[in-house]
All heavy atoms as atom14 arrays in JSON, in Angstrom:
{
  "sequence": "GAVWGHFHLEGLEEQDPRTNPPPNVGKGDLIYRYMPQVGRAYKGQPEA",
  "atom14_mask": [
    [1, 1, 1, 1, 0, 0, 0, 0, 0, 0, 0, 0, 0, 0],
    [1, 1, 1, 1, 1, 0, 0, 0, 0, 0, 0, 0, 0, 0],
    [1, 1, 1, 1, 1, 1, 1, 0, 0, 0, 0, 0, 0, 0],
    [1, 1, 1, 1, 1, 1, 1, 1, 1, 1, 1, 1, 1, 1],
    [1, 1, 1, 1, 0, 0, 0, 0, 0, 0, 0, 0, 0, 0],
    [1, 1, 1, 1, 1, 1, 1, 1, 1, 1, 0, 0, 0, 0],
    [1, 1, 1, 1, 1, 1, 1, 1, 1, 1, 1, 0, 0, 0],
    [1, 1, 1, 1, 1, 1, 1, 1, 1, 1, 0, 0, 0, 0],
    [1, 1, 1, 1, 1, 1, 1, 1, 0, 0, 0, 0, 0, 0],
    [1, 1, 1, 1, 1, 1, 1, 1, 1, 0, 0, 0, 0, 0],
    [1, 1, 1, 1, 0, 0, 0, 0, 0, 0, 0, 0, 0, 0],
    [1, 1, 1, 1, 1, 1, 1, 1, 0, 0, 0, 0, 0, 0],
    [1, 1, 1, 1, 1, 1, 1, 1, 1, 0, 0, 0, 0, 0],
    [1, 1, 1, 1, 1, 1, 1, 1, 1, 0, 0, 0, 0, 0],
    [1, 1, 1, 1, 1, 1, 1, 1, 1, 0, 0, 0, 0, 0],
    [1, 1, 1, 1, 1, 1, 1, 1, 0, 0, 0, 0, 0, 0],
    [1, 1, 1, 1, 1, 1, 1, 0, 0, 0, 0, 0, 0, 0],
    [1, 1, 1, 1, 1, 1, 1, 1, 1, 1, 1, 0, 0, 0],
    [1, 1, 1, 1, 1, 1, 1, 0, 0, 0, 0, 0, 0, 0],
    [1, 1, 1, 1, 1, 1, 1, 1, 0, 0, 0, 0, 0, 0],
    [1, 1, 1, 1, 1, 1, 1, 0, 0, 0, 0, 0, 0, 0],
    [1, 1, 1, 1, 1, 1, 1, 0, 0, 0, 0, 0, 0, 0],
    [1, 1, 1, 1, 1, 1, 1, 0, 0, 0, 0, 0, 0, 0],
    [1, 1, 1, 1, 1, 1, 1, 1, 0, 0, 0, 0, 0, 0],
    [1, 1, 1, 1, 1, 1, 1, 0, 0, 0, 0, 0, 0, 0],
    [1, 1, 1, 1, 0, 0, 0, 0, 0, 0, 0, 0, 0, 0],
    [1, 1, 1, 1, 1, 1, 1, 1, 1, 0, 0, 0, 0, 0],
    [1, 1, 1, 1, 0, 0, 0, 0, 0, 0, 0, 0, 0, 0],
    [1, 1, 1, 1, 1, 1, 1, 1, 0, 0, 0, 0, 0, 0],
    [1, 1, 1, 1, 1, 1, 1, 1, 0, 0, 0, 0, 0, 0],
    [1, 1, 1, 1, 1, 1, 1, 1, 0, 0, 0, 0, 0, 0],
    [1, 1, 1, 1, 1, 1, 1, 1, 1, 1, 1, 1, 0, 0],
    [1, 1, 1, 1, 1, 1, 1, 1, 1, 1, 1, 0, 0, 0],
    [1, 1, 1, 1, 1, 1, 1, 1, 1, 1, 1, 1, 0, 0],
    [1, 1, 1, 1, 1, 1, 1, 1, 0, 0, 0, 0, 0, 0],
    [1, 1, 1, 1, 1, 1, 1, 0, 0, 0, 0, 0, 0, 0],
    [1, 1, 1, 1, 1, 1, 1, 1, 1, 0, 0, 0, 0, 0],
    [1, 1, 1, 1, 1, 1, 1, 0, 0, 0, 0, 0, 0, 0],
    [1, 1, 1, 1, 0, 0, 0, 0, 0, 0, 0, 0, 0, 0],
    [1, 1, 1, 1, 1, 1, 1, 1, 1, 1, 1, 0, 0, 0],
    [1, 1, 1, 1, 1, 0, 0, 0, 0, 0, 0, 0, 0, 0],
    [1, 1, 1, 1, 1, 1, 1, 1, 1, 1, 1, 1, 0, 0],
    [1, 1, 1, 1, 1, 1, 1, 1, 1, 0, 0, 0, 0, 0],
    [1, 1, 1, 1, 0, 0, 0, 0, 0, 0, 0, 0, 0, 0],
    [1, 1, 1, 1, 1, 1, 1, 1, 1, 0, 0, 0, 0, 0],
    [1, 1, 1, 1, 1, 1, 1, 0, 0, 0, 0, 0, 0, 0],
    [1, 1, 1, 1, 1, 1, 1, 1, 1, 0, 0, 0, 0, 0],
    [1, 1, 1, 1, 1, 0, 0, 0, 0, 0, 0, 0, 0, 0]
  ],
  "atom14_positions": [
    [[-13.93, -12.93, -10.5], [-14.23, -14.32, -10.03], [-13.07, -15.18, -9.8], [-13.11, -16.26, -9.22], [0.0, 0.0, 0.0], [0.0, 0.0, 0.0], [0.0, 0.0, 0.0], [0.0, 0.0, 0.0], [0.0, 0.0, 0.0], [0.0, 0.0, 0.0], [0.0, 0.0, 0.0], [0.0, 0.0, 0.0], [0.0, 0.0, 0.0], [0.0, 0.0, 0.0]],
    [[-11.87, -14.76, -10.31], [-10.64, -15.51, -10.08], [-10.04, -15.18, -8.79], [-9.46, -14.07, -8.62], [-9.68, -15.27, -11.23], [0.0, 0.0, 0.0], [0.0, 0.0, 0.0], [0.0, 0.0, 0.0], [0.0, 0.0, 0.0], [0.0, 0.0, 0.0], [0.0, 0.0, 0.0], [0.0, 0.0, 0.0], [0.0, 0.0, 0.0], [0.0, 0.0, 0.0]],
    [[-10.1, -15.99, -7.76], [-9.68, -15.72, -6.4], [-8.19, -15.92, -6.26], [-7.66, -17.06, -6.51], [-10.44, -16.58, -5.43], [-9.92, -16.25, -3.98], [-11.96, -16.31, -5.48], [0.0, 0.0, 0.0], [0.0, 0.0, 0.0], [0.0, 0.0, 0.0], [0.0, 0.0, 0.0], [0.0, 0.0, 0.0], [0.0, 0.0, 0.0], [0.0, 0.0, 0.0]],
    [[-7.46, -14.89, -5.92], [-5.96, -15.04, -5.81], [-5.46, -14.96, -4.43], [-4.28, -15.25, -4.18], [-5.25, -14.01, -6.73], [-5.56, -12.57, -6.37], [-6.43, -11.77, -7.06], [-4.89, -11.71, -5.41], [-6.4, -10.52, -6.5], [-5.42, -10.45, -5.54], [-3.89, -11.96, -4.47], [-5.07, -9.39, -4.65], [-3.51, -11.02, -3.53], [-4.1, -9.69, -3.73]],
    [[-6.27, -14.4, -3.48], [-5.76, -14.3, -2.07], [-6.76, -14.68, -0.98], [-8.03, -14.5, -1.21], [0.0, 0.0, 0.0], [0.0, 0.0, 0.0], [0.0, 0.0, 0.0], [0.0, 0.0, 0.0], [0.0, 0.0, 0.0], [0.0, 0.0, 0.0], [0.0, 0.0, 0.0], [0.0, 0.0, 0.0], [0.0, 0.0, 0.0], [0.0, 0.0, 0.0]],
    [[-6.27, -15.3, 0.05], [-7.01, -15.78, 1.21], [-6.32, -15.33, 2.4], [-5.11, -15.57, 2.66], [-7.2, -17.24, 1.24], [-7.85, -17.94, 0.01], [-9.21, -18.1, -0.08], [-7.33, -18.23, -1.17], [-9.45, -18.65, -1.26], [-8.27, -18.72, -1.94], [0.0, 0.0, 0.0], [0.0, 0.0, 0.0], [0.0, 0.0, 0.0], [0.0, 0.0, 0.0]],
    [[-7.03, -14.55, 3.27], [-6.41, -14.03, 4.51], [-7.34, -14.37, 5.61], [-8.58, -14.1, 5.59], [-6.29, -12.48, 4.44], [-5.45, -12.06, 3.3], [-5.93, -11.98, 1.96], [-4.07, -11.71, 3.44], [-5.16, -11.59, 0.97], [-3.33, -11.33, 2.42], [-3.88, -11.21, 1.11], [0.0, 0.0, 0.0], [0.0, 0.0, 0.0], [0.0, 0.0, 0.0]],
    [[-6.72, -14.98, 6.77], [-7.58, -15.44, 7.81], [-7.06, -14.99, 9.14], [-5.91, -15.16, 9.46], [-7.65, -16.94, 7.9], [-8.13, -17.61, 6.51], [-9.47, -17.62, 6.14], [-7.43, -18.05, 5.5], [-9.56, -18.21, 4.98], [-8.29, -18.54, 4.56], [0.0, 0.0, 0.0], [0.0, 0.0, 0.0], [0.0, 0.0, 0.0], [0.0, 0.0, 0.0]],
    [[-7.87, -14.44, 9.99], [-7.58, -14.03, 11.38], [-8.59, -14.69, 12.27], [-9.86, -14.44, 12.14], [-7.59, -12.54, 11.63], [-6.54, -11.64, 10.93], [-6.98, -11.37, 9.46], [-6.35, -10.42, 11.61], [0.0, 0.0, 0.0], [0.0, 0.0, 0.0], [0.0, 0.0, 0.0], [0.0, 0.0, 0.0], [0.0, 0.0, 0.0], [0.0, 0.0, 0.0]],
    [[-8.22, -15.6, 13.1], [-9.09, -16.4, 13.94], [-8.69, -16.29, 15.41], [-7.56, -15.89, 15.73], [-9.07, -17.89, 13.53], [-9.54, -18.05, 12.04], [-9.41, -19.5, 11.55], [-8.44, -20.15, 12.01], [-10.26, -19.83, 10.73], [0.0, 0.0, 0.0], [0.0, 0.0, 0.0], [0.0, 0.0, 0.0], [0.0, 0.0, 0.0], [0.0, 0.0, 0.0]],
    [[-9.62, -16.57, 16.26], [-9.34, -16.48, 17.67], [-9.08, -15.02, 18.22], [-8.37, -14.77, 19.14], [0.0, 0.0, 0.0], [0.0, 0.0, 0.0], [0.0, 0.0, 0.0], [0.0, 0.0, 0.0], [0.0, 0.0, 0.0], [0.0, 0.0, 0.0], [0.0, 0.0, 0.0], [0.0, 0.0, 0.0], [0.0, 0.0, 0.0], [0.0, 0.0, 0.0]],
    [[-9.77, -14.05, 17.55], [-9.6, -12.65, 17.95], [-10.14, -12.39, 19.39], [-11.15, -12.88, 19.75], [-10.34, -11.73, 17.01], [-9.78, -11.66, 15.53], [-10.83, -11.01, 14.61], [-8.48, -10.79, 15.53], [0.0, 0.0, 0.0], [0.0, 0.0, 0.0], [0.0, 0.0, 0.0], [0.0, 0.0, 0.0], [0.0, 0.0, 0.0], [0.0, 0.0, 0.0]],
    [[-9.32, -11.63, 20.12], [-9.72, -11.29, 21.57], [-9.78, -9.89, 21.72], [-8.9, -9.1, 21.18], [-8.72, -11.93, 22.47], [-8.67, -13.46, 22.45], [-7.67, -14.12, 23.43], [-6.92, -13.28, 24.08], [-7.65, -15.35, 23.63], [0.0, 0.0, 0.0], [0.0, 0.0, 0.0], [0.0, 0.0, 0.0], [0.0, 0.0, 0.0], [0.0, 0.0, 0.0]],
    [[-10.73, -9.39, 22.42], [-10.94, -7.93, 22.65], [-9.8, -7.43, 23.51], [-9.41, -8.08, 24.49], [-12.28, -7.69, 23.4], [-13.47, -8.05, 22.52], [-13.81, -7.05, 21.48], [-13.14, -5.95, 21.47], [-14.65, -7.3, 20.61], [0.0, 0.0, 0.0], [0.0, 0.0, 0.0], [0.0, 0.0, 0.0], [0.0, 0.0, 0.0], [0.0, 0.0, 0.0]],
    [[-9.35, -6.25, 23.17], [-8.29, -5.51, 23.88], [-8.72, -4.13, 24.25], [-9.6, -3.6, 23.61], [-6.94, -5.53, 23.13], [-6.48, -6.84, 22.7], [-6.05, -7.74, 23.72], [-5.74, -7.3, 24.87], [-6.0, -9.1, 23.56], [0.0, 0.0, 0.0], [0.0, 0.0, 0.0], [0.0, 0.0, 0.0], [0.0, 0.0, 0.0], [0.0, 0.0, 0.0]],
    [[-8.1, -3.45, 25.14], [-8.36, -2.04, 25.46], [-7.83, -1.24, 24.26], [-6.62, -1.23, 23.99], [-7.67, -1.62, 26.72], [-7.97, -0.25, 27.16], [-8.5, 0.61, 26.33], [-7.65, 0.15, 28.34], [0.0, 0.0, 0.0], [0.0, 0.0, 0.0], [0.0, 0.0, 0.0], [0.0, 0.0, 0.0], [0.0, 0.0, 0.0], [0.0, 0.0, 0.0]],
    [[-8.67, -0.48, 23.54], [-8.22, 0.26, 22.41], [-7.08, 1.22, 22.74], [-6.28, 1.55, 21.85], [-9.46, 1.07, 21.97], [-10.6, 0.33, 22.56], [-10.12, -0.29, 23.81], [0.0, 0.0, 0.0], [0.0, 0.0, 0.0], [0.0, 0.0, 0.0], [0.0, 0.0, 0.0], [0.0, 0.0, 0.0], [0.0, 0.0, 0.0], [0.0, 0.0, 0.0]],
    [[-6.95, 1.64, 23.99], [-5.92, 2.58, 24.35], [-4.56, 1.94, 24.34], [-3.45, 2.58, 24.35], [-6.21, 3.22, 25.74], [-7.45, 4.08, 25.74], [-7.79, 4.5, 27.16], [-8.18, 3.31, 27.97], [-8.6, 3.32, 29.23], [-8.61, 4.55, 29.9], [-8.9, 2.26, 29.93], [0.0, 0.0, 0.0], [0.0, 0.0, 0.0], [0.0, 0.0, 0.0]],
    [[-4.51, 0.6, 24.24], [-3.25, -0.03, 24.3], [-2.65, -0.32, 22.86], [-1.6, -0.86, 22.66], [-3.39, -1.52, 24.93], [-4.23, -2.29, 24.14], [-3.92, -1.35, 26.3], [0.0, 0.0, 0.0], [0.0, 0.0, 0.0], [0.0, 0.0, 0.0], [0.0, 0.0, 0.0], [0.0, 0.0, 0.0], [0.0, 0.0, 0.0], [0.0, 0.0, 0.0]],
    [[-3.39, 0.13, 21.87], [-3.0, -0.02, 20.47], [-1.81, 0.91, 20.14], [-1.92, 2.09, 20.11], [-4.11, 0.29, 19.47], [-3.68, -0.01, 18.06], [-3.1, -1.01, 17.75], [-4.03, 1.0, 17.18], [0.0, 0.0, 0.0], [0.0, 0.0, 0.0], [0.0, 0.0, 0.0], [0.0, 0.0, 0.0], [0.0, 0.0, 0.0], [0.0, 0.0, 0.0]],
    [[-0.58, 0.34, 20.05], [0.58, 1.21, 19.85], [0.7, 1.71, 18.41], [0.33, 1.02, 17.5], [1.78, 0.3, 20.09], [1.29, -1.12, 19.76], [-0.2, -1.05, 20.11], [0.0, 0.0, 0.0], [0.0, 0.0, 0.0], [0.0, 0.0, 0.0], [0.0, 0.0, 0.0], [0.0, 0.0, 0.0], [0.0, 0.0, 0.0], [0.0, 0.0, 0.0]],
    [[1.07, 2.93, 18.24], [1.28, 3.42, 16.82], [2.35, 2.71, 16.13], [3.4, 2.23, 16.73], [1.58, 4.91, 16.99], [2.23, 4.99, 18.32], [1.52, 3.94, 19.22], [0.0, 0.0, 0.0], [0.0, 0.0, 0.0], [0.0, 0.0, 0.0], [0.0, 0.0, 0.0], [0.0, 0.0, 0.0], [0.0, 0.0, 0.0], [0.0, 0.0, 0.0]],
    [[2.29, 2.42, 14.82], [3.28, 1.72, 14.1], [4.56, 2.5, 14.07], [4.6, 3.77, 14.05], [2.68, 1.55, 12.75], [1.75, 2.7, 12.56], [1.13, 2.85, 13.95], [0.0, 0.0, 0.0], [0.0, 0.0, 0.0], [0.0, 0.0, 0.0], [0.0, 0.0, 0.0], [0.0, 0.0, 0.0], [0.0, 0.0, 0.0], [0.0, 0.0, 0.0]],
    [[5.66, 1.8, 14.15], [7.0, 2.43, 14.06], [7.37, 2.62, 12.55], [7.95, 1.8, 11.93], [8.09, 1.64, 14.78], [9.43, 2.24, 14.72], [9.57, 3.4, 14.4], [10.45, 1.41, 14.94], [0.0, 0.0, 0.0], [0.0, 0.0, 0.0], [0.0, 0.0, 0.0], [0.0, 0.0, 0.0], [0.0, 0.0, 0.0], [0.0, 0.0, 0.0]],
    [[7.0, 3.78, 11.93], [7.15, 3.99, 10.53], [8.1, 5.02, 10.19], [8.18, 5.49, 9.06], [5.73, 4.34, 9.97], [4.79, 3.24, 10.16], [5.18, 5.66, 10.58], [0.0, 0.0, 0.0], [0.0, 0.0, 0.0], [0.0, 0.0, 0.0], [0.0, 0.0, 0.0], [0.0, 0.0, 0.0], [0.0, 0.0, 0.0], [0.0, 0.0, 0.0]],
    [[8.92, 5.5, 11.14], [9.9, 6.54, 10.88], [9.05, 7.83, 10.62], [8.17, 8.22, 11.39], [0.0, 0.0, 0.0], [0.0, 0.0, 0.0], [0.0, 0.0, 0.0], [0.0, 0.0, 0.0], [0.0, 0.0, 0.0], [0.0, 0.0, 0.0], [0.0, 0.0, 0.0], [0.0, 0.0, 0.0], [0.0, 0.0, 0.0], [0.0, 0.0, 0.0]],
    [[9.34, 8.49, 9.46], [8.67, 9.73, 9.1], [7.33, 9.5, 8.45], [6.62, 10.49, 8.15], [9.57, 10.6, 8.25], [10.74, 11.13, 9.07], [11.56, 12.13, 8.26], [12.65, 12.81, 9.07], [13.43, 13.85, 8.33], [0.0, 0.0, 0.0], [0.0, 0.0, 0.0], [0.0, 0.0, 0.0], [0.0, 0.0, 0.0], [0.0, 0.0, 0.0]],
    [[6.99, 8.26, 8.04], [5.83, 8.02, 7.42], [5.8, 6.85, 6.42], [6.64, 5.96, 6.51], [0.0, 0.0, 0.0], [0.0, 0.0, 0.0], [0.0, 0.0, 0.0], [0.0, 0.0, 0.0], [0.0, 0.0, 0.0], [0.0, 0.0, 0.0], [0.0, 0.0, 0.0], [0.0, 0.0, 0.0], [0.0, 0.0, 0.0], [0.0, 0.0, 0.0]],
    [[4.91, 6.92, 5.41], [4.92, 5.91, 4.39], [5.76, 6.4, 3.14], [5.56, 7.53, 2.66], [3.47, 5.73, 3.94], [2.62, 5.05, 5.01], [3.19, 4.55, 5.94], [1.41, 5.08, 4.92], [0.0, 0.0, 0.0], [0.0, 0.0, 0.0], [0.0, 0.0, 0.0], [0.0, 0.0, 0.0], [0.0, 0.0, 0.0], [0.0, 0.0, 0.0]],
    [[6.59, 5.47, 2.71], [7.39, 5.82, 1.5], [6.73, 5.1, 0.27], [6.41, 3.95, 0.33], [8.77, 5.2, 1.66], [9.65, 5.74, 2.78], [10.88, 5.02, 2.95], [9.99, 7.25, 2.5], [0.0, 0.0, 0.0], [0.0, 0.0, 0.0], [0.0, 0.0, 0.0], [0.0, 0.0, 0.0], [0.0, 0.0, 0.0], [0.0, 0.0, 0.0]],
    [[6.52, 5.94, -0.75], [5.97, 5.46, -2.05], [6.74, 6.04, -3.19], [7.64, 6.82, -2.96], [4.42, 5.76, -2.2], [4.18, 7.3, -2.15], [3.62, 5.07, -1.22], [2.73, 7.71, -2.32], [0.0, 0.0, 0.0], [0.0, 0.0, 0.0], [0.0, 0.0, 0.0], [0.0, 0.0, 0.0], [0.0, 0.0, 0.0], [0.0, 0.0, 0.0]],
    [[6.51, 5.65, -4.37], [7.34, 6.02, -5.53], [6.42, 6.34, -6.65], [5.61, 5.55, -7.08], [8.25, 4.89, -5.91], [9.4, 5.32, -6.89], [10.45, 6.07, -6.45], [9.23, 4.98, -8.25], [11.43, 6.49, -7.31], [10.25, 5.37, -9.14], [11.36, 6.13, -8.66], [12.32, 6.6, -9.54], [0.0, 0.0, 0.0], [0.0, 0.0, 0.0]],
    [[6.48, 7.59, -7.13], [5.57, 8.13, -8.18], [6.26, 7.81, -9.5], [7.43, 8.06, -9.8], [5.32, 9.56, -8.06], [4.47, 10.21, -9.17], [4.2, 11.67, -8.92], [3.48, 12.25, -10.02], [2.18, 12.26, -10.05], [1.42, 11.65, -9.17], [1.52, 12.82, -11.1], [0.0, 0.0, 0.0], [0.0, 0.0, 0.0], [0.0, 0.0, 0.0]],
    [[5.46, 7.28, -10.46], [5.88, 7.12, -11.81], [4.75, 7.3, -12.79], [3.7, 6.64, -12.62], [6.54, 5.71, -12.04], [7.09, 5.48, -13.43], [8.42, 5.68, -13.64], [6.26, 5.15, -14.54], [9.02, 5.53, -14.9], [6.84, 4.96, -15.84], [8.16, 5.19, -16.0], [8.68, 5.02, -17.19], [0.0, 0.0, 0.0], [0.0, 0.0, 0.0]],
    [[4.89, 8.23, -13.7], [3.73, 8.53, -14.56], [4.41, 8.65, -16.06], [5.35, 9.32, -16.23], [3.03, 9.88, -14.28], [2.37, 9.89, -12.96], [0.97, 8.66, -12.87], [-0.17, 9.48, -13.99], [0.0, 0.0, 0.0], [0.0, 0.0, 0.0], [0.0, 0.0, 0.0], [0.0, 0.0, 0.0], [0.0, 0.0, 0.0], [0.0, 0.0, 0.0]],
    [[3.75, 7.91, -17.0], [4.35, 7.92, -18.37], [3.91, 9.22, -19.07], [2.93, 9.85, -18.76], [3.67, 6.72, -19.04], [2.44, 6.57, -18.31], [2.64, 6.96, -16.93], [0.0, 0.0, 0.0], [0.0, 0.0, 0.0], [0.0, 0.0, 0.0], [0.0, 0.0, 0.0], [0.0, 0.0, 0.0], [0.0, 0.0, 0.0], [0.0, 0.0, 0.0]],
    [[4.7, 9.65, -20.01], [4.3, 10.76, -20.9], [3.18, 10.34, -21.84], [3.08, 9.17, -22.18], [5.53, 11.25, -21.71], [6.6, 11.99, -20.84], [7.58, 12.78, -21.71], [7.13, 13.48, -22.58], [8.86, 12.72, -21.32], [0.0, 0.0, 0.0], [0.0, 0.0, 0.0], [0.0, 0.0, 0.0], [0.0, 0.0, 0.0], [0.0, 0.0, 0.0]],
    [[2.44, 11.37, -22.25], [1.37, 11.15, -23.17], [1.85, 11.32, -24.66], [2.7, 12.19, -24.99], [0.24, 12.16, -22.95], [-0.88, 11.95, -24.01], [-0.4, 11.97, -21.58], [0.0, 0.0, 0.0], [0.0, 0.0, 0.0], [0.0, 0.0, 0.0], [0.0, 0.0, 0.0], [0.0, 0.0, 0.0], [0.0, 0.0, 0.0], [0.0, 0.0, 0.0]],
    [[1.45, 10.36, -25.53], [1.85, 10.47, -26.87], [2.77, 9.41, -27.35], [3.74, 9.08, -26.59], [0.0, 0.0, 0.0], [0.0, 0.0, 0.0], [0.0, 0.0, 0.0], [0.0, 0.0, 0.0], [0.0, 0.0, 0.0], [0.0, 0.0, 0.0], [0.0, 0.0, 0.0], [0.0, 0.0, 0.0], [0.0, 0.0, 0.0], [0.0, 0.0, 0.0]],
    [[2.63, 8.8, -28.52], [3.42, 7.71, -28.94], [4.84, 8.13, -29.16], [5.72, 7.31, -28.97], [2.85, 7.2, -30.28], [1.53, 6.5, -30.1], [0.99, 5.91, -31.44], [1.9, 4.83, -31.84], [1.74, 3.63, -31.37], [0.81, 3.3, -30.49], [2.6, 2.65, -31.79], [0.0, 0.0, 0.0], [0.0, 0.0, 0.0], [0.0, 0.0, 0.0]],
    [[5.12, 9.35, -29.43], [6.46, 9.84, -29.69], [7.3, 9.71, -28.38], [8.58, 9.64, -28.41], [6.53, 11.24, -30.15], [0.0, 0.0, 0.0], [0.0, 0.0, 0.0], [0.0, 0.0, 0.0], [0.0, 0.0, 0.0], [0.0, 0.0, 0.0], [0.0, 0.0, 0.0], [0.0, 0.0, 0.0], [0.0, 0.0, 0.0], [0.0, 0.0, 0.0]],
    [[6.59, 9.73, -27.19], [7.28, 9.75, -25.88], [7.15, 8.39, -25.12], [7.43, 8.29, -23.95], [6.77, 10.91, -25.04], [6.93, 12.24, -25.71], [5.87, 12.89, -26.21], [8.16, 12.88, -25.59], [5.94, 14.15, -26.82], [8.3, 14.15, -26.21], [7.26, 14.74, -26.82], [7.31, 15.97, -27.37], [0.0, 0.0, 0.0], [0.0, 0.0, 0.0]],
    [[6.69, 7.39, -25.84], [6.43, 6.1, -25.19], [7.73, 5.57, -24.57], [8.72, 5.58, -25.19], [5.82, 5.11, -26.15], [5.48, 3.84, -25.51], [4.58, 2.91, -26.42], [5.32, 2.47, -27.69], [4.55, 1.47, -28.48], [0.0, 0.0, 0.0], [0.0, 0.0, 0.0], [0.0, 0.0, 0.0], [0.0, 0.0, 0.0], [0.0, 0.0, 0.0]],
    [[7.66, 5.16, -23.35], [8.79, 4.61, -22.67], [9.58, 5.66, -21.8], [10.47, 5.28, -21.12], [0.0, 0.0, 0.0], [0.0, 0.0, 0.0], [0.0, 0.0, 0.0], [0.0, 0.0, 0.0], [0.0, 0.0, 0.0], [0.0, 0.0, 0.0], [0.0, 0.0, 0.0], [0.0, 0.0, 0.0], [0.0, 0.0, 0.0], [0.0, 0.0, 0.0]],
    [[9.16, 6.87, -21.92], [9.77, 7.92, -21.21], [8.87, 8.42, -20.09], [7.62, 8.62, -20.35], [10.23, 9.15, -22.09], [11.15, 8.74, -23.21], [11.49, 9.9, -24.15], [11.5, 11.05, -23.7], [11.66, 9.63, -25.4], [0.0, 0.0, 0.0], [0.0, 0.0, 0.0], [0.0, 0.0, 0.0], [0.0, 0.0, 0.0], [0.0, 0.0, 0.0]],
    [[9.33, 8.72, -18.87], [8.49, 9.08, -17.74], [8.08, 10.53, -17.89], [8.98, 11.38, -18.22], [9.27, 8.8, -16.49], [10.73, 8.9, -16.96], [10.74, 8.44, -18.39], [0.0, 0.0, 0.0], [0.0, 0.0, 0.0], [0.0, 0.0, 0.0], [0.0, 0.0, 0.0], [0.0, 0.0, 0.0], [0.0, 0.0, 0.0], [0.0, 0.0, 0.0]],
    [[6.92, 10.78, -17.53], [6.43, 12.22, -17.37], [6.87, 12.73, -16.02], [7.25, 13.86, -15.83], [4.88, 12.25, -17.43], [4.36, 13.74, -17.38], [4.55, 14.51, -18.64], [4.3, 13.9, -19.66], [5.02, 15.58, -18.56], [0.0, 0.0, 0.0], [0.0, 0.0, 0.0], [0.0, 0.0, 0.0], [0.0, 0.0, 0.0], [0.0, 0.0, 0.0]],
    [[6.75, 11.81, -14.98], [7.15, 12.08, -13.66], [7.6, 10.93, -12.99], [7.17, 9.76, -13.1], [5.97, 12.69, -12.88], [0.0, 0.0, 0.0], [0.0, 0.0, 0.0], [0.0, 0.0, 0.0], [0.0, 0.0, 0.0], [0.0, 0.0, 0.0], [0.0, 0.0, 0.0], [0.0, 0.0, 0.0], [0.0, 0.0, 0.0], [0.0, 0.0, 0.0]]
  ]
}
């Protein structure tokens, strides 16, 4: 119930779907994996 974001798009106009250009993303989406190790003895150390 605590609202933190408001996003508004108004005045939308129809376009030919074939004109939708693909995003210029290089080779794709870059993300970063981080997983902690299991067990209190390893707390603070990454598993991956």
